[in-house]
C-alpha atoms as a PDB file:
ATOM      1  CA  MET A   1      -0.092   0.264  -0.180  1.00  0.00           C
ATOM      2  CA  SER A   2       2.078   3.186  -1.212  1.00  0.00           C
ATOM      3  CA  THR A   3      -0.284   5.197  -3.121  1.00  0.00           C
ATOM      4  CA  PRO A   4      -3.010   8.167  -1.629  1.00  0.00           C
ATOM      5  CA  GLU A   5      -5.685   6.000  -3.811  1.00  0.00           C
ATOM      6  CA  GLN A   6      -4.644   3.260  -1.922  1.00  0.00           C
ATOM      7  CA  LEU A   7      -4.943   4.438   1.214  1.00  0.00           C
ATOM      8  CA  ILE A   8      -8.019   5.875   0.510  1.00  0.00           C
ATOM      9  CA  GLU A   9      -9.685   2.658  -0.055  1.00  0.00           C
ATOM     10  CA  GLY A  10      -7.786   0.971   3.218  1.00  0.00           C
ATOM     11  CA  PHE A  11      -9.531   3.788   4.913  1.00  0.00           C
ATOM     12  CA  ARG A  12     -12.791   2.723   3.420  1.00  0.00           C
ATOM     13  CA  ARG A  13     -12.034  -1.093   4.341  1.00  0.00           C
ATOM     14  CA  PHE A  14     -11.348   0.302   7.993  1.00  0.00           C
ATOM     15  CA  ARG A  15     -14.861   2.283   8.050  1.00  0.00           C
ATOM     16  CA  GLU A  16     -16.496  -0.865   6.970  1.00  0.00           C
ATOM     17  CA  ARG A  17     -14.600  -3.476   8.903  1.00  0.00           C
ATOM     18  CA  HIS A  18     -13.980  -1.519  12.244  1.00  0.00           C
ATOM     19  CA  PHE A  19     -16.037   1.990  12.764  1.00  0.00           C
ATOM     20  CA  THR A  20     -19.142   0.524  11.468  1.00  0.00           C
ATOM     21  CA  GLU A  21     -18.832  -3.189  13.144  1.00  0.00           C
ATOM     22  CA  ASP A  22     -17.577  -1.854  16.077  1.00  0.00           C
ATOM     23  CA  ALA A  23     -19.348   1.374  16.307  1.00  0.00           C
ATOM     24  CA  VAL A  24     -19.914   1.023  20.258  1.00  0.00           C
ATOM     25  CA  ARG A  25     -16.341   1.117  20.659  1.00  0.00           C
ATOM     26  CA  PHE A  26     -16.172   4.339  18.395  1.00  0.00           C
ATOM     27  CA  GLN A  27     -19.084   5.943  20.402  1.00  0.00           C
ATOM     28  CA  TYR A  28     -17.169   5.342  23.940  1.00  0.00           C
ATOM     29  CA  LEU A  29     -14.146   6.967  22.723  1.00  0.00           C
ATOM     30  CA  VAL A  30     -15.798  10.019  21.182  1.00  0.00           C
ATOM     31  CA  GLN A  31     -18.027  10.264  24.534  1.00  0.00           C
ATOM     32  CA  PHE A  32     -15.518   9.500  27.133  1.00  0.00           C
ATOM     33  CA  GLY A  33     -12.215  10.435  25.659  1.00  0.00           C
ATOM     34  CA  GLN A  34      -9.246   8.352  25.596  1.00  0.00           C
ATOM     35  CA  THR A  35      -7.966   6.421  28.730  1.00  0.00           C
ATOM     36  CA  PRO A  36      -4.764   4.618  27.230  1.00  0.00           C
ATOM     37  CA  LYS A  37      -3.218   2.341  29.814  1.00  0.00           C
ATOM     38  CA  ALA A  38       0.379   2.641  28.403  1.00  0.00           C
ATOM     39  CA  LEU A  39       2.288   5.249  26.800  1.00  0.00           C
ATOM     40  CA  VAL A  40       4.668   3.825  23.856  1.00  0.00           C
ATOM     41  CA  VAL A  41       7.740   5.571  22.512  1.00  0.00           C
ATOM     42  CA  ALA A  42       8.457   3.628  19.067  1.00  0.00           C
ATOM     43  CA  CYS A  43      10.383   3.989  16.313  1.00  0.00           C
ATOM     44  CA  CYS A  44       9.252   5.865  12.836  1.00  0.00           C
ATOM     45  CA  ASP A  45      10.046   2.651  11.223  1.00  0.00           C
ATOM     46  CA  SER A  46       7.266   1.568   8.723  1.00  0.00           C
ATOM     47  CA  ARG A  47       7.947  -2.168   9.588  1.00  0.00           C
ATOM     48  CA  VAL A  48       7.370  -1.597  13.463  1.00  0.00           C
ATOM     49  CA  ASP A  49       3.737  -0.364  14.210  1.00  0.00           C
ATOM     50  CA  PRO A  50       2.739  -0.613  17.715  1.00  0.00           C
ATOM     51  CA  ALA A  51      -0.407  -1.202  17.693  1.00  0.00           C
ATOM     52  CA  LEU A  52      -0.251  -3.968  15.083  1.00  0.00           C
ATOM     53  CA  VAL A  53       2.901  -5.765  17.304  1.00  0.00           C
ATOM     54  CA  LEU A  54       1.013  -5.388  20.142  1.00  0.00           C
ATOM     55  CA  ASP A  55      -2.771  -6.384  18.477  1.00  0.00           C
ATOM     56  CA  CYS A  56      -4.113  -3.278  20.233  1.00  0.00           C
ATOM     57  CA  ALA A  57      -7.376  -1.619  19.105  1.00  0.00           C
ATOM     58  CA  PRO A  58      -7.929   2.060  19.192  1.00  0.00           C
ATOM     59  CA  GLY A  59      -7.906   3.739  22.402  1.00  0.00           C
ATOM     60  CA  ASP A  60      -5.381   1.358  24.158  1.00  0.00           C
ATOM     61  CA  LEU A  61      -1.927   2.911  23.450  1.00  0.00           C
ATOM     62  CA  PHE A  62      -0.981   6.345  23.624  1.00  0.00           C
ATOM     63  CA  VAL A  63       1.906   6.461  21.085  1.00  0.00           C
ATOM     64  CA  ILE A  64       4.966   8.535  20.531  1.00  0.00           C
ATOM     65  CA  ARG A  65       6.977   7.972  17.443  1.00  0.00           C
ATOM     66  CA  ASN A  66      10.371   9.501  16.320  1.00  0.00           C
ATOM     67  CA  VAL A  67      13.557   8.359  15.245  1.00  0.00           C
ATOM     68  CA  ALA A  68      15.270   5.502  16.834  1.00  0.00           C
ATOM     69  CA  ASN A  69      12.563   5.591  19.472  1.00  0.00           C
ATOM     70  CA  LEU A  70      14.647   7.852  21.804  1.00  0.00           C
ATOM     71  CA  VAL A  71      13.280  10.159  24.844  1.00  0.00           C
ATOM     72  CA  PRO A  72      15.504  13.032  25.217  1.00  0.00           C
ATOM     73  CA  PRO A  73      16.936  14.296  29.021  1.00  0.00           C
ATOM     74  CA  TYR A  74      14.705  16.958  30.456  1.00  0.00           C
ATOM     75  CA  GLU A  75      15.789  20.524  29.284  1.00  0.00           C
ATOM     76  CA  ASN A  76      13.624  23.614  28.711  1.00  0.00           C
ATOM     77  CA  GLN A  77      16.110  26.363  26.524  1.00  0.00           C
ATOM     78  CA  GLY A  78      13.072  27.332  24.503  1.00  0.00           C
ATOM     79  CA  HIS A  79      13.073  25.050  21.687  1.00  0.00           C
ATOM     80  CA  TYR A  80      10.464  22.745  20.313  1.00  0.00           C
ATOM     81  CA  HIS A  81       9.941  19.428  22.253  1.00  0.00           C
ATOM     82  CA  GLY A  82       7.290  17.085  20.259  1.00  0.00           C
ATOM     83  CA  THR A  83       8.526  14.178  22.135  1.00  0.00           C
ATOM     84  CA  SER A  84       8.524  15.757  25.815  1.00  0.00           C
ATOM     85  CA  ALA A  85       5.052  17.679  25.256  1.00  0.00           C
ATOM     86  CA  ALA A  86       3.423  14.037  24.440  1.00  0.00           C
ATOM     87  CA  LEU A  87       5.241  12.518  27.279  1.00  0.00           C
ATOM     88  CA  GLU A  88       3.830  15.200  29.230  1.00  0.00           C
ATOM     89  CA  PHE A  89       0.492  14.939  28.366  1.00  0.00           C
ATOM     90  CA  GLY A  90       0.328  11.119  28.414  1.00  0.00           C
ATOM     91  CA  VAL A  91       1.655  10.963  32.027  1.00  0.00           C
ATOM     92  CA  ARG A  92       0.225  14.301  33.555  1.00  0.00           C
ATOM     93  CA  ASN A  93      -3.101  14.665  31.607  1.00  0.00           C
ATOM     94  CA  LEU A  94      -4.007  10.818  30.804  1.00  0.00           C
ATOM     95  CA  GLY A  95      -2.200   9.383  33.778  1.00  0.00           C
ATOM     96  CA  VAL A  96      -0.790   6.461  32.064  1.00  0.00           C
ATOM     97  CA  PRO A  97       0.304   3.691  34.303  1.00  0.00           C
ATOM     98  CA  HIS A  98       2.985   2.309  32.047  1.00  0.00           C
ATOM     99  CA  ILE A  99       5.239   4.041  29.521  1.00  0.00           C
ATOM    100  CA  ILE A 100       7.029   1.231  27.121  1.00  0.00           C
ATOM    101  CA  VAL A 101      10.267   2.286  25.154  1.00  0.00           C
ATOM    102  CA  LEU A 102       9.927  -0.305  22.212  1.00  0.00           C
ATOM    103  CA  GLY A 103      13.005  -0.602  20.410  1.00  0.00           C
ATOM    104  CA  HIS A 104      13.864  -2.947  17.580  1.00  0.00           C
ATOM    105  CA  ALA A 105      16.363  -4.581  15.325  1.00  0.00           C
ATOM    106  CA  GLN A 106      17.510  -3.309  12.076  1.00  0.00           C
ATOM    107  CA  CYS A 107      16.800   0.221  13.092  1.00  0.00           C
ATOM    108  CA  GLY A 108      18.238   2.455  10.684  1.00  0.00           C
ATOM    109  CA  GLY A 109      19.111   5.498  12.723  1.00  0.00           C
ATOM    110  CA  ILE A 110      21.285   3.145  15.201  1.00  0.00           C
ATOM    111  CA  HIS A 111      23.097   1.739  12.327  1.00  0.00           C
ATOM    112  CA  ALA A 112      23.536   4.915  10.829  1.00  0.00           C
ATOM    113  CA  LEU A 113      25.054   6.014  14.479  1.00  0.00           C
ATOM    114  CA  LEU A 114      27.182   3.232  14.736  1.00  0.00           C
ATOM    115  CA  ALA A 115      28.606   3.942  11.153  1.00  0.00           C
ATOM    116  CA  GLY A 116      29.097   7.630  11.440  1.00  0.00           C
ATOM    117  CA  GLY A 117      26.928   7.872   8.281  1.00  0.00           C
ATOM    118  CA  VAL A 118      24.726  10.453   9.882  1.00  0.00           C
ATOM    119  CA  PRO A 119      25.618  13.617   7.866  1.00  0.00           C
ATOM    120  CA  LYS A 120      26.779  16.299  10.613  1.00  0.00           C
ATOM    121  CA  GLU A 121      25.931  19.375   8.690  1.00  0.00           C
ATOM    122  CA  GLU A 122      22.652  20.760   8.487  1.00  0.00           C
ATOM    123  CA  SER A 123      20.754  17.655   9.989  1.00  0.00           C
ATOM    124  CA  PHE A 124      18.249  17.075  12.411  1.00  0.00           C
ATOM    125  CA  ILE A 125      19.039  13.592  12.355  1.00  0.00           C
ATOM    126  CA  ALA A 126      22.821  14.035  13.394  1.00  0.00           C
ATOM    127  CA  GLU A 127      21.763  15.972  16.568  1.00  0.00           C
ATOM    128  CA  TRP A 128      18.764  13.872  17.499  1.00  0.00           C
ATOM    129  CA  MET A 129      20.917  10.725  17.437  1.00  0.00           C
ATOM    130  CA  GLY A 130      23.338  12.361  19.523  1.00  0.00           C
ATOM    131  CA  LEU A 131      21.125  11.090  22.346  1.00  0.00           C
ATOM    132  CA  ALA A 132      22.340   7.555  22.005  1.00  0.00           C
ATOM    133  CA  GLU A 133      26.175   8.711  21.876  1.00  0.00           C
ATOM    134  CA  SER A 134      26.602   6.935  25.197  1.00  0.00           C
ATOM    135  CA  ALA A 135      24.919   3.789  23.849  1.00  0.00           C
ATOM    136  CA  ARG A 136      27.529   3.698  20.976  1.00  0.00           C
ATOM    137  CA  GLN A 137      30.435   4.331  23.244  1.00  0.00           C
ATOM    138  CA  GLN A 138      29.659   1.879  25.726  1.00  0.00           C
ATOM    139  CA  VAL A 139      29.064  -0.896  22.772  1.00  0.00           C
ATOM    140  CA  GLU A 140      32.437   0.120  20.972  1.00  0.00           C
ATOM    141  CA  GLN A 141      34.433  -0.314  24.155  1.00  0.00           C
ATOM    142  CA  GLU A 142      32.729  -3.840  25.278  1.00  0.00           C
ATOM    143  CA  LEU A 143      32.299  -5.213  21.889  1.00  0.00           C
ATOM    144  CA  GLU A 144      35.407  -4.031  20.000  1.00  0.00           C
ATOM    145  CA  GLY A 145      36.327  -6.517  17.143  1.00  0.00           C
ATOM    146  CA  ALA A 146      32.778  -8.269  17.436  1.00  0.00           C
ATOM    147  CA  SER A 147      30.612  -8.788  14.221  1.00  0.00           C
ATOM    148  CA  ASP A 148      28.196  -5.909  13.156  1.00  0.00           C
ATOM    149  CA  LYS A 149      25.284  -7.495  13.543  1.00  0.00           C
ATOM    150  CA  LEU A 150      26.132  -8.107  17.225  1.00  0.00           C
ATOM    151  CA  ARG A 151      27.007  -4.406  18.189  1.00  0.00           C
ATOM    152  CA  HIS A 152      23.542  -3.329  16.137  1.00  0.00           C
ATOM    153  CA  ARG A 153      21.894  -5.432  18.405  1.00  0.00           C
ATOM    154  CA  ALA A 154      23.468  -4.564  21.714  1.00  0.00           C
ATOM    155  CA  CYS A 155      23.423  -0.301  20.465  1.00  0.00           C
ATOM    156  CA  GLU A 156      19.744  -0.662  19.805  1.00  0.00           C
ATOM    157  CA  GLN A 157      18.928  -2.124  23.319  1.00  0.00           C
ATOM    158  CA  GLN A 158      21.428   0.066  25.216  1.00  0.00           C
ATOM    159  CA  ALA A 159      19.594   3.119  23.624  1.00  0.00           C
ATOM    160  CA  ILE A 160      16.600   1.709  25.089  1.00  0.00           C
ATOM    161  CA  LEU A 161      18.025   1.638  28.695  1.00  0.00           C
ATOM    162  CA  VAL A 162      19.658   5.334  27.624  1.00  0.00           C
ATOM    163  CA  SER A 163      15.869   6.323  27.378  1.00  0.00           C
ATOM    164  CA  LEU A 164      14.594   4.827  30.108  1.00  0.00           C
ATOM    165  CA  ASN A 165      17.311   6.603  32.344  1.00  0.00           C
ATOM    166  CA  ASN A 166      16.082   9.788  30.463  1.00  0.00           C
ATOM    167  CA  LEU A 167      12.515   9.590  31.625  1.00  0.00           C
ATOM    168  CA  MET A 168      13.633   9.575  35.032  1.00  0.00           C
ATOM    169  CA  SER A 169      14.867  13.105  34.391  1.00  0.00           C
ATOM    170  CA  PHE A 170      11.514  14.643  34.221  1.00  0.00           C
ATOM    171  CA  SER A 171       9.720  15.373  37.508  1.00  0.00           C
ATOM    172  CA  TRP A 172       6.488  14.215  37.102  1.00  0.00           C
ATOM    173  CA  VAL A 173       7.930  10.977  35.843  1.00  0.00           C
ATOM    174  CA  ARG A 174      10.607  10.671  38.459  1.00  0.00           C
ATOM    175  CA  GLU A 175       7.614  10.880  41.077  1.00  0.00           C
ATOM    176  CA  ARG A 176       5.141   8.817  39.905  1.00  0.00           C
ATOM    177  CA  VAL A 177       7.473   6.033  39.674  1.00  0.00           C
ATOM    178  CA  GLU A 178       8.686   7.015  43.276  1.00  0.00           C
ATOM    179  CA  GLN A 179       5.207   6.740  44.439  1.00  0.00           C
ATOM    180  CA  GLY A 180       4.282   3.340  42.685  1.00  0.00           C
ATOM    181  CA  LYS A 181       1.473   4.809  39.982  1.00  0.00           C
ATOM    182  CA  LEU A 182       4.035   4.863  36.945  1.00  0.00           C
ATOM    183  CA  SER A 183       6.381   1.954  35.581  1.00  0.00           C
ATOM    184  CA  LEU A 184       8.558   1.923  32.900  1.00  0.00           C
ATOM    185  CA  HIS A 185       9.487  -1.085  30.644  1.00  0.00           C
ATOM    186  CA  GLY A 186      12.273  -1.525  28.090  1.00  0.00           C
ATOM    187  CA  TRP A 187      10.971  -3.887  25.324  1.00  0.00           C
ATOM    188  CA  TYR A 188      12.811  -4.722  22.060  1.00  0.00           C
ATOM    189  CA  PHE A 189      11.279  -6.513  18.903  1.00  0.00           C
ATOM    190  CA  ASP A 190      13.167  -8.903  16.893  1.00  0.00           C
ATOM    191  CA  ILE A 191      11.838  -8.309  13.814  1.00  0.00           C
ATOM    192  CA  GLU A 192      14.153 -10.792  12.177  1.00  0.00           C
ATOM    193  CA  GLY A 193      13.255 -13.308  14.549  1.00  0.00           C
ATOM    194  CA  GLY A 194       9.858 -12.334  15.528  1.00  0.00           C
ATOM    195  CA  GLU A 195       9.989 -12.286  19.004  1.00  0.00           C
ATOM    196  CA  LEU A 196       9.533  -9.439  21.899  1.00  0.00           C
ATOM    197  CA  LEU A 197      12.218  -8.868  24.783  1.00  0.00           C
ATOM    198  CA  GLY A 198      11.893  -7.194  27.929  1.00  0.00           C
ATOM    199  CA  TYR A 199      14.658  -5.770  29.974  1.00  0.00           C
ATOM    200  CA  ASN A 200      15.279  -7.315  33.433  1.00  0.00           C
ATOM    201  CA  PRO A 201      16.982  -5.071  35.835  1.00  0.00           C
ATOM    202  CA  ASN A 202      17.350  -8.215  38.171  1.00  0.00           C
ATOM    203  CA  THR A 203      19.440  -9.662  35.371  1.00  0.00           C
ATOM    204  CA  SER A 204      20.722  -6.551  33.613  1.00  0.00           C
ATOM    205  CA  GLN A 205      19.437  -8.570  30.413  1.00  0.00           C
ATOM    206  CA  PHE A 206      16.601  -8.638  27.396  1.00  0.00           C
ATOM    207  CA  GLU A 207      14.570 -11.443  27.945  1.00  0.00           C
ATOM    208  CA  THR A 208      12.092 -13.154  26.214  1.00  0.00           C
ATOM    209  CA  LEU A 209       8.291 -12.108  26.958  1.00  0.00           C
END
């Protein structure tokens, strides 16, 4: 599905199969608004749709998508903060009880970071991927001489941990976590093997969920 005409046909199928057949759900969402149980920070990668991967219905997830599913640290210097604004709305306004940072295999942003292939001049991507620089440095130090595939996978997973750490720099996230009202999760979708892994802080490993 790629052309606007095909997308319009897709909407017609959606309206027929879902909007009409599940009219009660949509009327409920219209009348009572959204009450998602999880906020998902996911990648823009067209192969990794959180609602599809996690088999969720409309209203189940509050989704933030950006390059490499990164969460920036808290800062307020007068710039535009799309990801931070969405996080604030999900946590403070919607009161989500869970935040999931959903990384994935074959992430183009992480691969470019490791390969040094992100152009430095006049590039929004280069500055954005700098958020994961500490993940790159750790992987390069610990896995020097390892295969590209192993290094890429390790960096993709390490970047998830960077985002989890950055989430705690927001006072309204940290306070809710400390109060037991909010839980943070690091998940990794192995698009090659069709597996979902979750970070276990007790073992410091990503394990099959």
